[in-house]
């Protein structure tokens, strides 16, 4: 009887031990599962966070590229405007600004005297031949004579002073009121009609005249105008 009781007790102890082992194994398994779930959750969170960060970085890079592109375009526009500033209209405005300065040297710089000579040698029907005539004069002895006359006149301080004094005495101020027409005649040559207001001693007078403007080396020069005829005696 005692042996049976002992055997029953042993069986019970073994059964309890087995049950305890199963419970412990289940606990370990549950812990492993929970750790895996937590690890996967953390990994997923980190992945989403990294993806979000990458999106922000990509957005910043895209905006940075756009900003740099805009800055580049602005710089190019500024460089072009500095190197090739002007227009047929601005050439007329610059001429009168120089005349208002009462400095004949500034007036001369707004003109191309070879172009002036070339245009003077052509009839209106022949303006298409302007650049052929320009090259012909530029390659001739006449061009050297024109340059010499201009240089001598500009170096003659007495002559310059007399002309500037005459301009000061007239006390005329000019203003470009309106442009009536800008017509391209041939390559890099335009006819411009502008309304000019002159003011002297409080009296105003308005006239519309034609001006001929050429473009060379990215700059615009006056090569013909009624107002230039008054400067011929200088040369």
C-alpha atoms as a PDB file:
ATOM      1  CA  UNK A   1       0.000   0.000   0.000  1.00  0.00           C
ATOM      2  CA  UNK A   2       2.804   2.363   0.833  1.00  0.00           C
ATOM      3  CA  UNK A   3       4.471   1.545  -2.443  1.00  0.00           C
ATOM      4  CA  UNK A   4       1.321   2.486  -4.315  1.00  0.00           C
ATOM      5  CA  UNK A   5       1.041   5.730  -2.433  1.00  0.00           C
ATOM      6  CA  UNK A   6       4.669   6.540  -3.127  1.00  0.00           C
ATOM      7  CA  UNK A   7       4.171   5.751  -6.798  1.00  0.00           C
ATOM      8  CA  UNK A   8       1.112   7.956  -6.905  1.00  0.00           C
ATOM      9  CA  UNK A   9       2.996  10.769  -5.217  1.00  0.00           C
ATOM     10  CA  UNK A  10       5.887  10.369  -7.628  1.00  0.00           C
ATOM     11  CA  UNK A  11       3.490  10.451 -10.576  1.00  0.00           C
ATOM     12  CA  UNK A  12       1.847  13.526  -9.190  1.00  0.00           C
ATOM     13  CA  UNK A  13       5.198  15.240  -8.660  1.00  0.00           C
ATOM     14  CA  UNK A  14       6.319  14.294 -12.143  1.00  0.00           C
ATOM     15  CA  UNK A  15       3.060  15.514 -13.616  1.00  0.00           C
ATOM     16  CA  UNK A  16       3.366  18.817 -11.754  1.00  0.00           C
ATOM     17  CA  UNK A  17       6.955  19.161 -12.891  1.00  0.00           C
ATOM     18  CA  UNK A  18       5.932  18.501 -16.466  1.00  0.00           C
ATOM     19  CA  UNK A  19       3.119  20.988 -16.190  1.00  0.00           C
ATOM     20  CA  UNK A  20       5.465  23.548 -14.682  1.00  0.00           C
ATOM     21  CA  UNK A  21       7.926  22.933 -17.520  1.00  0.00           C
ATOM     22  CA  UNK A  22       5.165  23.424 -20.078  1.00  0.00           C
ATOM     23  CA  UNK A  23       4.065  26.642 -18.435  1.00  0.00           C
ATOM     24  CA  UNK A  24       7.630  27.874 -18.324  1.00  0.00           C
ATOM     25  CA  UNK A  25       8.152  26.925 -21.987  1.00  0.00           C
ATOM     26  CA  UNK A  26       4.929  28.706 -22.919  1.00  0.00           C
ATOM     27  CA  UNK A  27       6.094  31.786 -21.038  1.00  0.00           C
ATOM     28  CA  UNK A  28       9.408  31.745 -22.834  1.00  0.00           C
ATOM     29  CA  UNK A  29       7.625  31.280 -26.157  1.00  0.00           C
ATOM     30  CA  UNK A  30       5.273  34.141 -25.370  1.00  0.00           C
ATOM     31  CA  UNK A  31       8.210  36.352 -24.438  1.00  0.00           C
ATOM     32  CA  UNK A  32       9.949  35.498 -27.718  1.00  0.00           C
ATOM     33  CA  UNK A  33       6.781  36.268 -29.669  1.00  0.00           C
ATOM     34  CA  UNK A  34       6.280  39.516 -27.799  1.00  0.00           C
ATOM     35  CA  UNK A  35       9.905  40.497 -28.409  1.00  0.00           C
ATOM     36  CA  UNK A  36       9.554  39.704 -32.106  1.00  0.00           C
ATOM     37  CA  UNK A  37       6.374  41.743 -32.322  1.00  0.00           C
ATOM     38  CA  UNK A  38       8.003  44.647 -30.484  1.00  0.00           C
ATOM     39  CA  UNK A  39      11.112  44.350 -32.679  1.00  0.00           C
ATOM     40  CA  UNK A  40       9.025  44.313 -35.858  1.00  0.00           C
ATOM     41  CA  UNK A  41       6.978  47.247 -34.630  1.00  0.00           C
ATOM     42  CA  UNK A  42      10.134  49.219 -33.817  1.00  0.00           C
ATOM     43  CA  UNK A  43      11.671  48.258 -37.149  1.00  0.00           C
ATOM     44  CA  UNK A  44       8.515  49.359 -38.952  1.00  0.00           C
ATOM     45  CA  UNK A  45       8.494  52.664 -37.041  1.00  0.00           C
ATOM     46  CA  UNK A  46      12.156  53.259 -37.838  1.00  0.00           C
ATOM     47  CA  UNK A  47      11.515  52.391 -41.480  1.00  0.00           C
ATOM     48  CA  UNK A  48       8.606  54.834 -41.681  1.00  0.00           C
ATOM     49  CA  UNK A  49      10.645  57.512 -39.929  1.00  0.00           C
ATOM     50  CA  UNK A  50      13.557  56.986 -42.330  1.00  0.00           C
ATOM     51  CA  UNK A  51      11.197  57.065 -45.319  1.00  0.00           C
ATOM     52  CA  UNK A  52       9.705  60.335 -44.048  1.00  0.00           C
ATOM     53  CA  UNK A  53      13.183  61.808 -43.554  1.00  0.00           C
ATOM     54  CA  UNK A  54      14.204  60.768 -47.076  1.00  0.00           C
ATOM     55  CA  UNK A  55      11.082  62.447 -48.458  1.00  0.00           C
ATOM     56  CA  UNK A  56      11.925  65.671 -46.624  1.00  0.00           C
ATOM     57  CA  UNK A  57      15.535  65.567 -47.857  1.00  0.00           C
ATOM     58  CA  UNK A  58      14.371  64.919 -51.444  1.00  0.00           C
ATOM     59  CA  UNK A  59      11.931  67.825 -51.198  1.00  0.00           C
ATOM     60  CA  UNK A  60      14.674  70.133 -49.898  1.00  0.00           C
ATOM     61  CA  UNK A  61      17.016  69.041 -52.683  1.00  0.00           C
ATOM     62  CA  UNK A  62      14.306  69.629 -55.297  1.00  0.00           C
ATOM     63  CA  UNK A  63      13.571  73.110 -53.952  1.00  0.00           C
ATOM     64  CA  UNK A  64      17.295  73.856 -53.712  1.00  0.00           C
ATOM     65  CA  UNK A  65      17.726  72.893 -57.368  1.00  0.00           C
ATOM     66  CA  UNK A  66      14.794  75.110 -58.360  1.00  0.00           C
ATOM     67  CA  UNK A  67      16.188  78.058 -56.386  1.00  0.00           C
ATOM     68  CA  UNK A  68      19.649  77.612 -57.899  1.00  0.00           C
ATOM     69  CA  UNK A  69      18.075  77.456 -61.359  1.00  0.00           C
ATOM     70  CA  UNK A  70      16.186  80.713 -60.773  1.00  0.00           C
ATOM     71  CA  UNK A  71      19.350  82.408 -59.449  1.00  0.00           C
ATOM     72  CA  UNK A  72      21.272  81.228 -62.538  1.00  0.00           C
ATOM     73  CA  UNK A  73      18.612  82.649 -64.879  1.00  0.00           C
ATOM     74  CA  UNK A  74      18.692  85.993 -63.036  1.00  0.00           C
ATOM     75  CA  UNK A  75      22.500  86.155 -63.265  1.00  0.00           C
ATOM     76  CA  UNK A  76      22.422  85.393 -67.010  1.00  0.00           C
ATOM     77  CA  UNK A  77      19.758  88.069 -67.544  1.00  0.00           C
ATOM     78  CA  UNK A  78      21.856  90.636 -65.660  1.00  0.00           C
ATOM     79  CA  UNK A  79      25.020  89.764 -67.609  1.00  0.00           C
ATOM     80  CA  UNK A  80      23.190  89.974 -70.944  1.00  0.00           C
ATOM     81  CA  UNK A  81      21.572  93.283 -69.999  1.00  0.00           C
ATOM     82  CA  UNK A  82      24.965  94.728 -69.007  1.00  0.00           C
ATOM     83  CA  UNK A  83      26.787  93.528 -72.128  1.00  0.00           C
ATOM     84  CA  UNK A  84      24.036  94.238 -74.658  1.00  0.00           C
ATOM     85  CA  UNK A  85      22.056  97.036 -73.075  1.00  0.00           C
ATOM     86  CA  UNK A  86      20.146  99.426 -75.308  1.00  0.00           C
ATOM     87  CA  UNK A  87      17.659  99.661 -78.163  1.00  0.00           C
ATOM     88  CA  UNK A  88      16.926 101.997 -81.076  1.00  0.00           C
ATOM     89  CA  UNK A  89      14.668 104.019 -78.755  1.00  0.00           C
ATOM     90  CA  UNK A  90      17.263 104.261 -75.992  1.00  0.00           C
ATOM     91  CA  UNK A  91      19.817 105.521 -78.543  1.00  0.00           C
ATOM     92  CA  UNK A  92      17.590 108.543 -79.248  1.00  0.00           C
ATOM     93  CA  UNK A  93      17.038 109.144 -75.524  1.00  0.00           C
ATOM     94  CA  UNK A  94      20.782 108.887 -74.863  1.00  0.00           C
ATOM     95  CA  UNK A  95      21.524 111.407 -77.602  1.00  0.00           C
ATOM     96  CA  UNK A  96      19.286 114.045 -76.021  1.00  0.00           C
ATOM     97  CA  UNK A  97      20.568 113.234 -72.536  1.00  0.00           C
ATOM     98  CA  UNK A  98      24.065 113.960 -73.861  1.00  0.00           C
ATOM     99  CA  UNK A  99      22.884 117.213 -75.439  1.00  0.00           C
ATOM    100  CA  UNK A 100      21.284 118.247 -72.132  1.00  0.00           C
ATOM    101  CA  UNK A 101      24.645 117.679 -70.438  1.00  0.00           C
ATOM    102  CA  UNK A 102      26.078 120.549 -72.559  1.00  0.00           C
ATOM    103  CA  UNK A 103      29.157 118.429 -73.276  1.00  0.00           C
ATOM    104  CA  UNK A 104      29.892 117.919 -76.964  1.00  0.00           C
ATOM    105  CA  UNK A 105      32.227 114.999 -76.205  1.00  0.00           C
ATOM    106  CA  UNK A 106      29.296 113.037 -74.749  1.00  0.00           C
ATOM    107  CA  UNK A 107      27.231 113.825 -77.833  1.00  0.00           C
ATOM    108  CA  UNK A 108      29.944 112.526 -80.160  1.00  0.00           C
ATOM    109  CA  UNK A 109      30.185 109.249 -78.240  1.00  0.00           C
ATOM    110  CA  UNK A 110      26.527 108.531 -79.007  1.00  0.00           C
ATOM    111  CA  UNK A 111      27.229 108.630 -82.745  1.00  0.00           C
ATOM    112  CA  UNK A 112      29.002 106.438 -85.255  1.00  0.00           C
ATOM    113  CA  UNK A 113      30.590 108.753 -87.777  1.00  0.00           C
ATOM    114  CA  UNK A 114      31.409 106.033 -90.301  1.00  0.00           C
ATOM    115  CA  UNK A 115      27.744 105.049 -90.227  1.00  0.00           C
ATOM    116  CA  UNK A 116      26.837 108.725 -90.544  1.00  0.00           C
ATOM    117  CA  UNK A 117      29.049 109.061 -93.636  1.00  0.00           C
ATOM    118  CA  UNK A 118      27.720 105.794 -95.111  1.00  0.00           C
ATOM    119  CA  UNK A 119      24.085 106.814 -94.657  1.00  0.00           C
ATOM    120  CA  UNK A 120      24.771 110.282 -96.093  1.00  0.00           C
ATOM    121  CA  UNK A 121      26.125 108.682 -99.278  1.00  0.00           C
ATOM    122  CA  UNK A 122      22.967 106.609 -99.824  1.00  0.00           C
ATOM    123  CA  UNK A 123      19.507 107.472-101.055  1.00  0.00           C
ATOM    124  CA  UNK A 124      16.537 106.101 -99.142  1.00  0.00           C
ATOM    125  CA  UNK A 125      15.964 103.470-101.813  1.00  0.00           C
ATOM    126  CA  UNK A 126      19.530 102.229-101.293  1.00  0.00           C
ATOM    127  CA  UNK A 127      19.525 101.798 -97.506  1.00  0.00           C
ATOM    128  CA  UNK A 128      19.699  98.026 -97.996  1.00  0.00           C
ATOM    129  CA  UNK A 129      23.299  98.632 -99.094  1.00  0.00           C
ATOM    130  CA  UNK A 130      24.164 100.404 -95.823  1.00  0.00           C
ATOM    131  CA  UNK A 131      26.568  97.791 -94.481  1.00  0.00           C
ATOM    132  CA  UNK A 132      28.345  97.358 -97.810  1.00  0.00           C
ATOM    133  CA  UNK A 133      28.867 101.116 -97.861  1.00  0.00           C
ATOM    134  CA  UNK A 134      29.949 101.059 -94.226  1.00  0.00           C
ATOM    135  CA  UNK A 135      32.671  98.483 -94.915  1.00  0.00           C
ATOM    136  CA  UNK A 136      33.738 100.370 -98.027  1.00  0.00           C
ATOM    137  CA  UNK A 137      34.257 103.588 -96.045  1.00  0.00           C
ATOM    138  CA  UNK A 138      35.855 101.770 -93.108  1.00  0.00           C
ATOM    139  CA  UNK A 139      38.453 100.243 -95.443  1.00  0.00           C
ATOM    140  CA  UNK A 140      39.151 103.511 -97.271  1.00  0.00           C
ATOM    141  CA  UNK A 141      41.367 106.524 -96.709  1.00  0.00           C
ATOM    142  CA  UNK A 142      38.193 108.520 -96.083  1.00  0.00           C
ATOM    143  CA  UNK A 143      37.742 106.620 -92.813  1.00  0.00           C
ATOM    144  CA  UNK A 144      41.196 107.687 -91.652  1.00  0.00           C
ATOM    145  CA  UNK A 145      40.351 111.290 -92.545  1.00  0.00           C
ATOM    146  CA  UNK A 146      37.093 111.118 -90.551  1.00  0.00           C
ATOM    147  CA  UNK A 147      38.920 109.707 -87.519  1.00  0.00           C
ATOM    148  CA  UNK A 148      41.638 112.331 -87.766  1.00  0.00           C
ATOM    149  CA  UNK A 149      39.135 115.198 -87.967  1.00  0.00           C
ATOM    150  CA  UNK A 150      37.174 113.913 -84.989  1.00  0.00           C
ATOM    151  CA  UNK A 151      40.270 113.284 -82.875  1.00  0.00           C
ATOM    152  CA  UNK A 152      41.714 116.701 -83.698  1.00  0.00           C
ATOM    153  CA  UNK A 153      38.418 118.408 -82.867  1.00  0.00           C
ATOM    154  CA  UNK A 154      38.022 116.538 -79.576  1.00  0.00           C
ATOM    155  CA  UNK A 155      41.609 117.316 -78.571  1.00  0.00           C
ATOM    156  CA  UNK A 156      41.214 121.012 -79.343  1.00  0.00           C
ATOM    157  CA  UNK A 157      40.224 122.338 -75.926  1.00  0.00           C
ATOM    158  CA  UNK A 158      39.464 125.808 -77.284  1.00  0.00           C
ATOM    159  CA  UNK A 159      37.031 124.404 -79.851  1.00  0.00           C
ATOM    160  CA  UNK A 160      35.396 122.131 -77.259  1.00  0.00           C
ATOM    161  CA  UNK A 161      35.061 125.000 -74.809  1.00  0.00           C
ATOM    162  CA  UNK A 162      33.538 127.276 -77.442  1.00  0.00           C
ATOM    163  CA  UNK A 163      30.962 124.659 -78.429  1.00  0.00           C
ATOM    164  CA  UNK A 164      30.097 123.819 -74.824  1.00  0.00           C
ATOM    165  CA  UNK A 165      29.762 127.512 -73.990  1.00  0.00           C
ATOM    166  CA  UNK A 166      27.447 127.954 -76.953  1.00  0.00           C
ATOM    167  CA  UNK A 167      25.352 125.016 -75.738  1.00  0.00           C
ATOM    168  CA  UNK A 168      25.248 126.499 -72.236  1.00  0.00           C
ATOM    169  CA  UNK A 169      24.221 129.913 -73.537  1.00  0.00           C
ATOM    170  CA  UNK A 170      21.302 128.469 -75.484  1.00  0.00           C
ATOM    171  CA  UNK A 171      19.914 126.987 -72.251  1.00  0.00           C
ATOM    172  CA  UNK A 172      17.731 124.601 -74.245  1.00  0.00           C
ATOM    173  CA  UNK A 173      16.560 121.430 -72.572  1.00  0.00           C
ATOM    174  CA  UNK A 174      15.262 118.472 -74.569  1.00  0.00           C
ATOM    175  CA  UNK A 175      12.812 115.745 -73.661  1.00  0.00           C
ATOM    176  CA  UNK A 176      11.679 112.737 -75.674  1.00  0.00           C
ATOM    177  CA  UNK A 177       7.907 112.873 -75.363  1.00  0.00           C
ATOM    178  CA  UNK A 178       6.746 109.984 -77.514  1.00  0.00           C
ATOM    179  CA  UNK A 179       7.964 107.481 -80.079  1.00  0.00           C
ATOM    180  CA  UNK A 180       5.864 107.465 -83.228  1.00  0.00           C
ATOM    181  CA  UNK A 181       7.573 104.645 -85.109  1.00  0.00           C
ATOM    182  CA  UNK A 182      10.420 102.162 -84.944  1.00  0.00           C
ATOM    183  CA  UNK A 183      11.005 100.595 -88.347  1.00  0.00           C
ATOM    184  CA  UNK A 184      13.748  98.118 -89.190  1.00  0.00           C
ATOM    185  CA  UNK A 185      15.241  99.090 -92.557  1.00  0.00           C
ATOM    186  CA  UNK A 186      17.855  96.394 -92.928  1.00  0.00           C
ATOM    187  CA  UNK A 187      20.104  94.283 -90.725  1.00  0.00           C
ATOM    188  CA  UNK A 188      20.971  96.270 -87.569  1.00  0.00           C
ATOM    189  CA  UNK A 189      19.639  99.548 -88.991  1.00  0.00           C
ATOM    190  CA  UNK A 190      16.409 101.258 -87.888  1.00  0.00           C
ATOM    191  CA  UNK A 191      14.467 104.409 -88.573  1.00  0.00           C
ATOM    192  CA  UNK A 192      12.952 105.922 -85.431  1.00  0.00           C
ATOM    193  CA  UNK A 193      10.424 108.748 -85.418  1.00  0.00           C
ATOM    194  CA  UNK A 194      10.149 110.554 -82.113  1.00  0.00           C
ATOM    195  CA  UNK A 195       8.351 113.585 -80.755  1.00  0.00           C
ATOM    196  CA  UNK A 196      10.831 115.887 -79.026  1.00  0.00           C
ATOM    197  CA  UNK A 197       9.984 118.723 -76.705  1.00  0.00           C
ATOM    198  CA  UNK A 198      12.444 121.603 -76.431  1.00  0.00           C
ATOM    199  CA  UNK A 199      12.191 124.122 -73.627  1.00  0.00           C
ATOM    200  CA  UNK A 200      13.981 127.485 -73.489  1.00  0.00           C
ATOM    201  CA  UNK A 201      13.271 130.436 -71.201  1.00  0.00           C
ATOM    202  CA  UNK A 202       9.938 128.885 -70.224  1.00  0.00           C
ATOM    203  CA  UNK A 203       8.791 128.492 -73.830  1.00  0.00           C
ATOM    204  CA  UNK A 204       8.088 124.995 -75.127  1.00  0.00           C
ATOM    205  CA  UNK A 205       8.139 123.703 -78.660  1.00  0.00           C
ATOM    206  CA  UNK A 206       7.413 120.175 -79.903  1.00  0.00           C
ATOM    207  CA  UNK A 207       8.626 118.639 -83.152  1.00  0.00           C
ATOM    208  CA  UNK A 208       8.616 115.161 -84.656  1.00  0.00           C
ATOM    209  CA  UNK A 209      11.808 114.062 -86.413  1.00  0.00           C
ATOM    210  CA  UNK A 210      13.377 110.945 -87.877  1.00  0.00           C
ATOM    211  CA  UNK A 211      16.521 109.344 -86.504  1.00  0.00           C
ATOM    212  CA  UNK A 212      18.590 106.538 -87.942  1.00  0.00           C
ATOM    213  CA  UNK A 213      20.098 104.079 -85.502  1.00  0.00           C
ATOM    214  CA  UNK A 214      22.606 101.310 -86.137  1.00  0.00           C
ATOM    215  CA  UNK A 215      23.740  98.479 -83.895  1.00  0.00           C
ATOM    216  CA  UNK A 216      27.350  97.384 -83.769  1.00  0.00           C
ATOM    217  CA  UNK A 217      29.197  95.356 -81.157  1.00  0.00           C
ATOM    218  CA  UNK A 218      26.061  95.069 -79.040  1.00  0.00           C
ATOM    219  CA  UNK A 219      25.685  98.866 -78.786  1.00  0.00           C
ATOM    220  CA  UNK A 220      23.389 101.323 -80.552  1.00  0.00           C
ATOM    221  CA  UNK A 221      24.563 104.512 -82.255  1.00  0.00           C
ATOM    222  CA  UNK A 222      22.890 107.419 -84.009  1.00  0.00           C
ATOM    223  CA  UNK A 223      23.963 107.627 -87.661  1.00  0.00           C
ATOM    224  CA  UNK A 224      21.453 110.117 -88.990  1.00  0.00           C
ATOM    225  CA  UNK A 225      19.181 112.910 -87.725  1.00  0.00           C
ATOM    226  CA  UNK A 226      18.313 116.501 -88.564  1.00  0.00           C
ATOM    227  CA  UNK A 227      19.781 117.602 -85.264  1.00  0.00           C
ATOM    228  CA  UNK A 228      23.182 116.276 -86.335  1.00  0.00           C
ATOM    229  CA  UNK A 229      23.399 118.655 -89.253  1.00  0.00           C
ATOM    230  CA  UNK A 230      24.162 121.472 -86.830  1.00  0.00           C
ATOM    231  CA  UNK A 231      27.291 119.587 -85.747  1.00  0.00           C
ATOM    232  CA  UNK A 232      28.796 119.271 -89.207  1.00  0.00           C
ATOM    233  CA  UNK A 233      30.734 122.552 -88.942  1.00  0.00           C
ATOM    234  CA  UNK A 234      32.689 121.005 -86.055  1.00  0.00           C
ATOM    235  CA  UNK A 235      34.204 118.444 -88.397  1.00  0.00           C
END
